[in-house]
Amino acid sequence: RFYDKVCADLGYVVHHPGLRERELPDLLPPDRQHVI
């Protein structure tokens, strides 16, 4: 997060172009989910 913050403070927001699989449940709850 420190690397990301320095970049943001200098004018560039670090990001990925798409959506992480771990973020998909926020939009579409899984039918099954368990901690491995």
PDB file of all heavy atoms in Angstrom:
ATOM      1  N   ARG A   1       0.821  -1.209   0.000  1.00  0.00           N
ATOM      2  CA  ARG A   1       0.000   0.000   0.000  1.00  0.00           C
ATOM      3  C   ARG A   1       0.857   1.262   0.000  1.00  0.00           C
ATOM      4  O   ARG A   1       0.460   2.292  -0.558  1.00  0.00           O
ATOM      5  CB  ARG A   1      -0.930  -0.002   1.215  1.00  0.00           C
ATOM      6  CG  ARG A   1      -2.104  -0.948   1.064  1.00  0.00           C
ATOM      7  CD  ARG A   1      -3.264  -0.529   1.960  1.00  0.00           C
ATOM      8  NE  ARG A   1      -2.878  -0.507   3.360  1.00  0.00           N
ATOM      9  CZ  ARG A   1      -3.201  -1.451   4.248  1.00  0.00           C
ATOM     10  NH1 ARG A   1      -3.906  -2.505   3.865  1.00  0.00           N
ATOM     11  NH2 ARG A   1      -2.830  -1.360   5.500  1.00  0.00           N
ATOM     12  N   PHE A   2       2.047   1.197   0.618  1.00  0.00           N
ATOM     13  CA  PHE A   2       2.932   2.356   0.631  1.00  0.00           C
ATOM     14  C   PHE A   2       3.372   2.705  -0.790  1.00  0.00           C
ATOM     15  O   PHE A   2       3.377   3.877  -1.177  1.00  0.00           O
ATOM     16  CB  PHE A   2       4.155   2.079   1.520  1.00  0.00           C
ATOM     17  CG  PHE A   2       5.091   3.255   1.633  1.00  0.00           C
ATOM     18  CD1 PHE A   2       4.805   4.306   2.483  1.00  0.00           C
ATOM     19  CD2 PHE A   2       6.251   3.306   0.875  1.00  0.00           C
ATOM     20  CE1 PHE A   2       5.659   5.402   2.580  1.00  0.00           C
ATOM     21  CE2 PHE A   2       7.117   4.385   0.964  1.00  0.00           C
ATOM     22  CZ  PHE A   2       6.821   5.438   1.819  1.00  0.00           C
ATOM     23  N   TYR A   3       3.733   1.697  -1.575  1.00  0.00           N
ATOM     24  CA  TYR A   3       4.097   1.944  -2.980  1.00  0.00           C
ATOM     25  C   TYR A   3       2.930   2.601  -3.714  1.00  0.00           C
ATOM     26  O   TYR A   3       3.103   3.610  -4.418  1.00  0.00           O
ATOM     27  CB  TYR A   3       4.479   0.621  -3.660  1.00  0.00           C
ATOM     28  CG  TYR A   3       4.715   0.754  -5.156  1.00  0.00           C
ATOM     29  CD1 TYR A   3       5.980   1.056  -5.649  1.00  0.00           C
ATOM     30  CD2 TYR A   3       3.671   0.577  -6.067  1.00  0.00           C
ATOM     31  CE1 TYR A   3       6.200   1.188  -7.018  1.00  0.00           C
ATOM     32  CE2 TYR A   3       3.887   0.714  -7.431  1.00  0.00           C
ATOM     33  CZ  TYR A   3       5.145   1.014  -7.897  1.00  0.00           C
ATOM     34  OH  TYR A   3       5.359   1.156  -9.260  1.00  0.00           O
ATOM     35  N   ASP A   4       1.727   2.052  -3.531  1.00  0.00           N
ATOM     36  CA  ASP A   4       0.547   2.596  -4.211  1.00  0.00           C
ATOM     37  C   ASP A   4       0.284   4.042  -3.788  1.00  0.00           C
ATOM     38  O   ASP A   4      -0.077   4.891  -4.613  1.00  0.00           O
ATOM     39  CB  ASP A   4      -0.686   1.751  -3.901  1.00  0.00           C
ATOM     40  CG  ASP A   4      -0.628   0.375  -4.546  1.00  0.00           C
ATOM     41  OD1 ASP A   4       0.321   0.115  -5.327  1.00  0.00           O
ATOM     42  OD2 ASP A   4      -1.518  -0.450  -4.259  1.00  0.00           O
ATOM     43  N   LYS A   5       0.462   4.324  -2.490  1.00  0.00           N
ATOM     44  CA  LYS A   5       0.189   5.679  -1.980  1.00  0.00           C
ATOM     45  C   LYS A   5       1.183   6.690  -2.551  1.00  0.00           C
ATOM     46  O   LYS A   5       0.800   7.808  -2.936  1.00  0.00           O
ATOM     47  CB  LYS A   5       0.249   5.699  -0.457  1.00  0.00           C
ATOM     48  CG  LYS A   5      -0.088   7.074   0.138  1.00  0.00           C
ATOM     49  CD  LYS A   5      -0.023   7.067   1.648  1.00  0.00           C
ATOM     50  CE  LYS A   5      -0.464   8.427   2.215  1.00  0.00           C
ATOM     51  NZ  LYS A   5       0.306   9.558   1.656  1.00  0.00           N
ATOM     52  N   VAL A   6       2.456   6.315  -2.613  1.00  0.00           N
ATOM     53  CA  VAL A   6       3.442   7.228  -3.177  1.00  0.00           C
ATOM     54  C   VAL A   6       3.099   7.528  -4.631  1.00  0.00           C
ATOM     55  O   VAL A   6       3.130   8.691  -5.073  1.00  0.00           O
ATOM     56  CB  VAL A   6       4.872   6.650  -3.066  1.00  0.00           C
ATOM     57  CG1 VAL A   6       5.866   7.549  -3.800  1.00  0.00           C
ATOM     58  CG2 VAL A   6       5.279   6.505  -1.607  1.00  0.00           C
ATOM     59  N   CYS A   7       2.725   6.493  -5.384  1.00  0.00           N
ATOM     60  CA  CYS A   7       2.334   6.706  -6.782  1.00  0.00           C
ATOM     61  C   CYS A   7       1.125   7.629  -6.876  1.00  0.00           C
ATOM     62  O   CYS A   7       1.084   8.548  -7.708  1.00  0.00           O
ATOM     63  CB  CYS A   7       2.017   5.367  -7.455  1.00  0.00           C
ATOM     64  SG  CYS A   7       3.463   4.315  -7.735  1.00  0.00           S
ATOM     65  N   ALA A   8       0.130   7.398  -6.000  1.00  0.00           N
ATOM     66  CA  ALA A   8      -1.075   8.231  -6.017  1.00  0.00           C
ATOM     67  C   ALA A   8      -0.748   9.676  -5.663  1.00  0.00           C
ATOM     68  O   ALA A   8      -1.265  10.619  -6.288  1.00  0.00           O
ATOM     69  CB  ALA A   8      -2.111   7.665  -5.056  1.00  0.00           C
ATOM     70  N   ASP A   9       0.122   9.875  -4.666  1.00  0.00           N
ATOM     71  CA  ASP A   9       0.515  11.228  -4.280  1.00  0.00           C
ATOM     72  C   ASP A   9       1.232  11.959  -5.416  1.00  0.00           C
ATOM     73  O   ASP A   9       1.185  13.191  -5.511  1.00  0.00           O
ATOM     74  CB  ASP A   9       1.416  11.192  -3.045  1.00  0.00           C
ATOM     75  CG  ASP A   9       0.670  10.789  -1.778  1.00  0.00           C
ATOM     76  OD1 ASP A   9      -0.571  10.807  -1.790  1.00  0.00           O
ATOM     77  OD2 ASP A   9       1.347  10.428  -0.789  1.00  0.00           O
ATOM     78  N   LEU A  10       1.882  11.175  -6.289  1.00  0.00           N
ATOM     79  CA  LEU A  10       2.603  11.763  -7.426  1.00  0.00           C
ATOM     80  C   LEU A  10       1.729  11.881  -8.675  1.00  0.00           C
ATOM     81  O   LEU A  10       2.191  12.316  -9.728  1.00  0.00           O
ATOM     82  CB  LEU A  10       3.850  10.919  -7.733  1.00  0.00           C
ATOM     83  CG  LEU A  10       4.942  10.946  -6.659  1.00  0.00           C
ATOM     84  CD1 LEU A  10       6.012   9.903  -6.945  1.00  0.00           C
ATOM     85  CD2 LEU A  10       5.562  12.331  -6.561  1.00  0.00           C
ATOM     86  N   GLY A  11       0.465  11.435  -8.556  1.00  0.00           N
ATOM     87  CA  GLY A  11      -0.471  11.661  -9.655  1.00  0.00           C
ATOM     88  C   GLY A  11      -0.898  10.450 -10.443  1.00  0.00           C
ATOM     89  O   GLY A  11      -1.623  10.579 -11.434  1.00  0.00           O
ATOM     90  N   TYR A  12      -0.468   9.237 -10.025  1.00  0.00           N
ATOM     91  CA  TYR A  12      -0.891   8.037 -10.752  1.00  0.00           C
ATOM     92  C   TYR A  12      -1.509   7.039  -9.779  1.00  0.00           C
ATOM     93  O   TYR A  12      -0.861   6.616  -8.816  1.00  0.00           O
ATOM     94  CB  TYR A  12       0.286   7.366 -11.469  1.00  0.00           C
ATOM     95  CG  TYR A  12      -0.160   6.164 -12.283  1.00  0.00           C
ATOM     96  CD1 TYR A  12      -0.627   6.317 -13.578  1.00  0.00           C
ATOM     97  CD2 TYR A  12      -0.159   4.885 -11.726  1.00  0.00           C
ATOM     98  CE1 TYR A  12      -1.070   5.233 -14.317  1.00  0.00           C
ATOM     99  CE2 TYR A  12      -0.601   3.791 -12.454  1.00  0.00           C
ATOM    100  CZ  TYR A  12      -1.063   3.979 -13.745  1.00  0.00           C
ATOM    101  OH  TYR A  12      -1.513   2.903 -14.464  1.00  0.00           O
ATOM    102  N   VAL A  13      -2.754   6.661 -10.032  1.00  0.00           N
ATOM    103  CA  VAL A  13      -3.445   5.674  -9.199  1.00  0.00           C
ATOM    104  C   VAL A  13      -3.161   4.279  -9.742  1.00  0.00           C
ATOM    105  O   VAL A  13      -3.520   3.961 -10.881  1.00  0.00           O
ATOM    106  CB  VAL A  13      -4.965   5.935  -9.179  1.00  0.00           C
ATOM    107  CG1 VAL A  13      -5.666   4.855  -8.367  1.00  0.00           C
ATOM    108  CG2 VAL A  13      -5.253   7.315  -8.594  1.00  0.00           C
ATOM    109  N   VAL A  14      -2.499   3.471  -8.944  1.00  0.00           N
ATOM    110  CA  VAL A  14      -2.167   2.107  -9.345  1.00  0.00           C
ATOM    111  C   VAL A  14      -3.447   1.275  -9.391  1.00  0.00           C
ATOM    112  O   VAL A  14      -4.241   1.281  -8.456  1.00  0.00           O
ATOM    113  CB  VAL A  14      -1.156   1.472  -8.365  1.00  0.00           C
ATOM    114  CG1 VAL A  14      -0.866   0.037  -8.748  1.00  0.00           C
ATOM    115  CG2 VAL A  14       0.133   2.292  -8.341  1.00  0.00           C
ATOM    116  N   HIS A  15      -3.651   0.574 -10.495  1.00  0.00           N
ATOM    117  CA  HIS A  15      -4.879  -0.208 -10.644  1.00  0.00           C
ATOM    118  C   HIS A  15      -4.677  -1.310 -11.671  1.00  0.00           C
ATOM    119  O   HIS A  15      -3.724  -1.281 -12.452  1.00  0.00           O
ATOM    120  CB  HIS A  15      -6.032   0.697 -11.094  1.00  0.00           C
ATOM    121  CG  HIS A  15      -5.817   1.290 -12.460  1.00  0.00           C
ATOM    122  ND1 HIS A  15      -4.960   2.350 -12.683  1.00  0.00           N
ATOM    123  CD2 HIS A  15      -6.336   0.961 -13.678  1.00  0.00           C
ATOM    124  CE1 HIS A  15      -4.948   2.660 -13.968  1.00  0.00           C
ATOM    125  NE2 HIS A  15      -5.771   1.828 -14.594  1.00  0.00           N
ATOM    126  N   HIS A  16      -5.578  -2.274 -11.637  1.00  0.00           N
ATOM    127  CA  HIS A  16      -5.641  -3.295 -12.676  1.00  0.00           C
ATOM    128  C   HIS A  16      -6.720  -2.909 -13.674  1.00  0.00           C
ATOM    129  O   HIS A  16      -7.682  -2.218 -13.314  1.00  0.00           O
ATOM    130  CB  HIS A  16      -5.980  -4.662 -12.071  1.00  0.00           C
ATOM    131  CG  HIS A  16      -4.850  -5.279 -11.317  1.00  0.00           C
ATOM    132  ND1 HIS A  16      -4.801  -5.298  -9.936  1.00  0.00           N
ATOM    133  CD2 HIS A  16      -3.714  -5.890 -11.744  1.00  0.00           C
ATOM    134  CE1 HIS A  16      -3.681  -5.913  -9.552  1.00  0.00           C
ATOM    135  NE2 HIS A  16      -3.015  -6.268 -10.620  1.00  0.00           N
ATOM    136  N   PRO A  17      -6.613  -3.369 -14.917  1.00  0.00           N
ATOM    137  CA  PRO A  17      -7.645  -3.020 -15.903  1.00  0.00           C
ATOM    138  C   PRO A  17      -8.982  -3.698 -15.653  1.00  0.00           C
ATOM    139  O   PRO A  17     -10.026  -3.184 -16.054  1.00  0.00           O
ATOM    140  CB  PRO A  17      -7.031  -3.487 -17.236  1.00  0.00           C
ATOM    141  CG  PRO A  17      -6.009  -4.512 -16.860  1.00  0.00           C
ATOM    142  CD  PRO A  17      -5.479  -4.081 -15.526  1.00  0.00           C
ATOM    143  N   GLY A  18      -8.969  -4.847 -14.988  1.00  0.00           N
ATOM    144  CA  GLY A  18     -10.203  -5.604 -14.811  1.00  0.00           C
ATOM    145  C   GLY A  18     -10.634  -5.751 -13.370  1.00  0.00           C
ATOM    146  O   GLY A  18     -10.367  -4.888 -12.526  1.00  0.00           O
ATOM    147  N   LEU A  19     -11.268  -6.875 -13.070  1.00  0.00           N
ATOM    148  CA  LEU A  19     -11.846  -7.158 -11.756  1.00  0.00           C
ATOM    149  C   LEU A  19     -11.198  -8.408 -11.183  1.00  0.00           C
ATOM    150  O   LEU A  19     -11.147  -9.451 -11.840  1.00  0.00           O
ATOM    151  CB  LEU A  19     -13.361  -7.390 -11.901  1.00  0.00           C
ATOM    152  CG  LEU A  19     -14.136  -7.720 -10.627  1.00  0.00           C
ATOM    153  CD1 LEU A  19     -14.512  -6.422  -9.907  1.00  0.00           C
ATOM    154  CD2 LEU A  19     -15.405  -8.507 -10.961  1.00  0.00           C
ATOM    155  N   ARG A  20     -10.695  -8.321  -9.963  1.00  0.00           N
ATOM    156  CA  ARG A  20     -10.143  -9.514  -9.324  1.00  0.00           C
ATOM    157  C   ARG A  20     -11.263 -10.518  -9.035  1.00  0.00           C
ATOM    158  O   ARG A  20     -12.368 -10.126  -8.648  1.00  0.00           O
ATOM    159  CB  ARG A  20      -9.453  -9.147  -8.012  1.00  0.00           C
ATOM    160  CG  ARG A  20      -8.241  -8.236  -8.146  1.00  0.00           C
ATOM    161  CD  ARG A  20      -7.720  -7.905  -6.771  1.00  0.00           C
ATOM    162  NE  ARG A  20      -6.550  -7.052  -6.810  1.00  0.00           N
ATOM    163  CZ  ARG A  20      -6.583  -5.722  -6.772  1.00  0.00           C
ATOM    164  NH1 ARG A  20      -7.761  -5.095  -6.731  1.00  0.00           N
ATOM    165  NH2 ARG A  20      -5.476  -5.005  -6.782  1.00  0.00           N
ATOM    166  N   GLU A  21     -10.947 -11.805  -9.181  1.00  0.00           N
ATOM    167  CA  GLU A  21     -11.949 -12.829  -8.862  1.00  0.00           C
ATOM    168  C   GLU A  21     -12.443 -12.688  -7.423  1.00  0.00           C
ATOM    169  O   GLU A  21     -13.607 -12.936  -7.145  1.00  0.00           O
ATOM    170  CB  GLU A  21     -11.378 -14.235  -9.087  1.00  0.00           C
ATOM    171  CG  GLU A  21     -11.350 -14.698 -10.529  1.00  0.00           C
ATOM    172  CD  GLU A  21     -10.080 -14.328 -11.272  1.00  0.00           C
ATOM    173  OE1 GLU A  21      -9.264 -13.530 -10.726  1.00  0.00           O
ATOM    174  OE2 GLU A  21      -9.886 -14.793 -12.398  1.00  0.00           O
ATOM    175  N   ARG A  22     -11.576 -12.260  -6.533  1.00  0.00           N
ATOM    176  CA  ARG A  22     -11.993 -12.101  -5.143  1.00  0.00           C
ATOM    177  C   ARG A  22     -12.973 -10.945  -4.948  1.00  0.00           C
ATOM    178  O   ARG A  22     -13.624 -10.853  -3.910  1.00  0.00           O
ATOM    179  CB  ARG A  22     -10.770 -11.914  -4.239  1.00  0.00           C
ATOM    180  CG  ARG A  22     -10.001 -10.620  -4.409  1.00  0.00           C
ATOM    181  CD  ARG A  22      -8.915 -10.521  -3.357  1.00  0.00           C
ATOM    182  NE  ARG A  22      -8.166  -9.283  -3.378  1.00  0.00           N
ATOM    183  CZ  ARG A  22      -6.955  -9.155  -3.900  1.00  0.00           C
ATOM    184  NH1 ARG A  22      -6.357 -10.202  -4.462  1.00  0.00           N
ATOM    185  NH2 ARG A  22      -6.323  -7.990  -3.857  1.00  0.00           N
ATOM    186  N   GLU A  23     -13.072 -10.055  -5.965  1.00  0.00           N
ATOM    187  CA  GLU A  23     -14.019  -8.954  -5.904  1.00  0.00           C
ATOM    188  C   GLU A  23     -15.377  -9.313  -6.503  1.00  0.00           C
ATOM    189  O   GLU A  23     -16.368  -8.619  -6.251  1.00  0.00           O
ATOM    190  CB  GLU A  23     -13.445  -7.732  -6.627  1.00  0.00           C
ATOM    191  CG  GLU A  23     -12.181  -7.184  -5.981  1.00  0.00           C
ATOM    192  CD  GLU A  23     -11.458  -6.174  -6.850  1.00  0.00           C
ATOM    193  OE1 GLU A  23     -11.620  -6.224  -8.089  1.00  0.00           O
ATOM    194  OE2 GLU A  23     -10.723  -5.337  -6.292  1.00  0.00           O
ATOM    195  N   LEU A  24     -15.423 -10.379  -7.291  1.00  0.00           N
ATOM    196  CA  LEU A  24     -16.672 -10.765  -7.943  1.00  0.00           C
ATOM    197  C   LEU A  24     -17.792 -11.073  -6.943  1.00  0.00           C
ATOM    198  O   LEU A  24     -18.954 -10.710  -7.195  1.00  0.00           O
ATOM    199  CB  LEU A  24     -16.425 -11.958  -8.880  1.00  0.00           C
ATOM    200  CG  LEU A  24     -17.611 -12.423  -9.735  1.00  0.00           C
ATOM    201  CD1 LEU A  24     -18.168 -11.280 -10.577  1.00  0.00           C
ATOM    202  CD2 LEU A  24     -17.182 -13.589 -10.632  1.00  0.00           C
ATOM    203  N   PRO A  25     -17.517 -11.716  -5.790  1.00  0.00           N
ATOM    204  CA  PRO A  25     -18.600 -11.969  -4.830  1.00  0.00           C
ATOM    205  C   PRO A  25     -19.309 -10.714  -4.330  1.00  0.00           C
ATOM    206  O   PRO A  25     -20.468 -10.784  -3.911  1.00  0.00           O
ATOM    207  CB  PRO A  25     -17.894 -12.702  -3.676  1.00  0.00           C
ATOM    208  CG  PRO A  25     -16.746 -13.378  -4.329  1.00  0.00           C
ATOM    209  CD  PRO A  25     -16.277 -12.406  -5.385  1.00  0.00           C
ATOM    210  N   ASP A  26     -18.626  -9.556  -4.379  1.00  0.00           N
ATOM    211  CA  ASP A  26     -19.281  -8.313  -3.982  1.00  0.00           C
ATOM    212  C   ASP A  26     -20.379  -7.933  -4.964  1.00  0.00           C
ATOM    213  O   ASP A  26     -21.338  -7.236  -4.601  1.00  0.00           O
ATOM    214  CB  ASP A  26     -18.262  -7.172  -3.890  1.00  0.00           C
ATOM    215  CG  ASP A  26     -17.249  -7.383  -2.782  1.00  0.00           C
ATOM    216  OD1 ASP A  26     -17.578  -8.114  -1.821  1.00  0.00           O
ATOM    217  OD2 ASP A  26     -16.141  -6.839  -2.880  1.00  0.00           O
ATOM    218  N   LEU A  27     -20.234  -8.379  -6.205  1.00  0.00           N
ATOM    219  CA  LEU A  27     -21.214  -8.071  -7.248  1.00  0.00           C
ATOM    220  C   LEU A  27     -22.183  -9.225  -7.480  1.00  0.00           C
ATOM    221  O   LEU A  27     -23.353  -8.997  -7.820  1.00  0.00           O
ATOM    222  CB  LEU A  27     -20.486  -7.748  -8.565  1.00  0.00           C
ATOM    223  CG  LEU A  27     -19.470  -6.601  -8.515  1.00  0.00           C
ATOM    224  CD1 LEU A  27     -18.778  -6.475  -9.859  1.00  0.00           C
ATOM    225  CD2 LEU A  27     -20.149  -5.305  -8.136  1.00  0.00           C
ATOM    226  N   LEU A  28     -21.692 -10.444  -7.302  1.00  0.00           N
ATOM    227  CA  LEU A  28     -22.500 -11.642  -7.534  1.00  0.00           C
ATOM    228  C   LEU A  28     -22.154 -12.674  -6.461  1.00  0.00           C
ATOM    229  O   LEU A  28     -21.156 -13.390  -6.584  1.00  0.00           O
ATOM    230  CB  LEU A  28     -22.213 -12.222  -8.931  1.00  0.00           C
ATOM    231  CG  LEU A  28     -23.052 -13.439  -9.332  1.00  0.00           C
ATOM    232  CD1 LEU A  28     -24.515 -13.044  -9.529  1.00  0.00           C
ATOM    233  CD2 LEU A  28     -22.498 -14.068 -10.616  1.00  0.00           C
ATOM    234  N   PRO A  29     -22.934 -12.765  -5.387  1.00  0.00           N
ATOM    235  CA  PRO A  29     -22.619 -13.713  -4.311  1.00  0.00           C
ATOM    236  C   PRO A  29     -22.520 -15.148  -4.842  1.00  0.00           C
ATOM    237  O   PRO A  29     -23.372 -15.578  -5.625  1.00  0.00           O
ATOM    238  CB  PRO A  29     -23.809 -13.560  -3.351  1.00  0.00           C
ATOM    239  CG  PRO A  29     -24.326 -12.182  -3.607  1.00  0.00           C
ATOM    240  CD  PRO A  29     -24.134 -11.955  -5.081  1.00  0.00           C
ATOM    241  N   PRO A  30     -21.498 -15.887  -4.447  1.00  0.00           N
ATOM    242  CA  PRO A  30     -21.341 -17.267  -4.921  1.00  0.00           C
ATOM    243  C   PRO A  30     -22.444 -18.176  -4.380  1.00  0.00           C
ATOM    244  O   PRO A  30     -23.052 -17.900  -3.338  1.00  0.00           O
ATOM    245  CB  PRO A  30     -19.973 -17.687  -4.361  1.00  0.00           C
ATOM    246  CG  PRO A  30     -19.312 -16.423  -3.947  1.00  0.00           C
ATOM    247  CD  PRO A  30     -20.390 -15.469  -3.580  1.00  0.00           C
ATOM    248  N   ASP A  31     -22.690 -19.270  -5.083  1.00  0.00           N
ATOM    249  CA  ASP A  31     -23.587 -20.304  -4.572  1.00  0.00           C
ATOM    250  C   ASP A  31     -22.942 -21.035  -3.401  1.00  0.00           C
ATOM    251  O   ASP A  31     -23.622 -21.444  -2.462  1.00  0.00           O
ATOM    252  CB  ASP A  31     -23.929 -21.308  -5.684  1.00  0.00           C
ATOM    253  CG  ASP A  31     -24.656 -20.645  -6.840  1.00  0.00           C
ATOM    254  OD1 ASP A  31     -25.592 -19.864  -6.583  1.00  0.00           O
ATOM    255  OD2 ASP A  31     -24.282 -20.894  -8.004  1.00  0.00           O
ATOM    256  N   ARG A  32     -21.629 -21.205  -3.500  1.00  0.00           N
ATOM    257  CA  ARG A  32     -20.869 -21.848  -2.429  1.00  0.00           C
ATOM    258  C   ARG A  32     -19.555 -21.113  -2.258  1.00  0.00           C
ATOM    259  O   ARG A  32     -18.932 -20.692  -3.229  1.00  0.00           O
ATOM    260  CB  ARG A  32     -20.595 -23.323  -2.745  1.00  0.00           C
ATOM    261  CG  ARG A  32     -21.820 -24.222  -2.732  1.00  0.00           C
ATOM    262  CD  ARG A  32     -21.437 -25.672  -2.950  1.00  0.00           C
ATOM    263  NE  ARG A  32     -20.978 -25.901  -4.319  1.00  0.00           N
ATOM    264  CZ  ARG A  32     -20.530 -27.073  -4.768  1.00  0.00           C
ATOM    265  NH1 ARG A  32     -20.444 -28.120  -3.940  1.00  0.00           N
ATOM    266  NH2 ARG A  32     -20.148 -27.209  -6.033  1.00  0.00           N
ATOM    267  N   GLN A  33     -19.154 -20.959  -1.011  1.00  0.00           N
ATOM    268  CA  GLN A  33     -17.892 -20.290  -0.710  1.00  0.00           C
ATOM    269  C   GLN A  33     -17.364 -20.820   0.613  1.00  0.00           C
ATOM    270  O   GLN A  33     -18.112 -20.893   1.588  1.00  0.00           O
ATOM    271  CB  GLN A  33     -18.104 -18.781  -0.627  1.00  0.00           C
ATOM    272  CG  GLN A  33     -16.866 -17.984  -0.252  1.00  0.00           C
ATOM    273  CD  GLN A  33     -17.120 -16.479  -0.276  1.00  0.00           C
ATOM    274  OE1 GLN A  33     -18.216 -16.021  -0.581  1.00  0.00           O
ATOM    275  NE2 GLN A  33     -16.102 -15.702   0.045  1.00  0.00           N
ATOM    276  N   HIS A  34     -16.114 -21.239   0.643  1.00  0.00           N
ATOM    277  CA  HIS A  34     -15.542 -21.639   1.922  1.00  0.00           C
ATOM    278  C   HIS A  34     -14.042 -21.359   1.944  1.00  0.00           C
ATOM    279  O   HIS A  34     -13.385 -21.335   0.897  1.00  0.00           O
ATOM    280  CB  HIS A  34     -15.821 -23.112   2.235  1.00  0.00           C
ATOM    281  CG  HIS A  34     -15.025 -24.080   1.414  1.00  0.00           C
ATOM    282  ND1 HIS A  34     -15.506 -24.660   0.263  1.00  0.00           N
ATOM    283  CD2 HIS A  34     -13.768 -24.591   1.585  1.00  0.00           C
ATOM    284  CE1 HIS A  34     -14.605 -25.477  -0.240  1.00  0.00           C
ATOM    285  NE2 HIS A  34     -13.535 -25.451   0.535  1.00  0.00           N
ATOM    286  N   VAL A  35     -13.538 -21.111   3.131  1.00  0.00           N
ATOM    287  CA  VAL A  35     -12.120 -20.811   3.302  1.00  0.00           C
ATOM    288  C   VAL A  35     -11.312 -22.096   3.189  1.00  0.00           C
ATOM    289  O   VAL A  35     -11.601 -23.094   3.858  1.00  0.00           O
ATOM    290  CB  VAL A  35     -11.863 -20.143   4.665  1.00  0.00           C
ATOM    291  CG1 VAL A  35     -10.367 -19.929   4.890  1.00  0.00           C
ATOM    292  CG2 VAL A  35     -12.611 -18.811   4.755  1.00  0.00           C
ATOM    293  N   ILE A  36     -10.314 -22.086   2.329  1.00  0.00           N
ATOM    294  CA  ILE A  36      -9.423 -23.233   2.166  1.00  0.00           C
ATOM    295  C   ILE A  36      -8.354 -23.218   3.248  1.00  0.00           C
ATOM    296  O   ILE A  36      -8.094 -24.211   3.921  1.00  0.00           O
ATOM    297  CB  ILE A  36      -8.772 -23.212   0.772  1.00  0.00           C
ATOM    298  CG1 ILE A  36      -9.826 -23.330  -0.327  1.00  0.00           C
ATOM    299  CG2 ILE A  36      -7.735 -24.340   0.646  1.00  0.00           C
ATOM    300  CD1 ILE A  36      -9.275 -23.102  -1.728  1.00  0.00           C
TER     301      ILE A  36
END
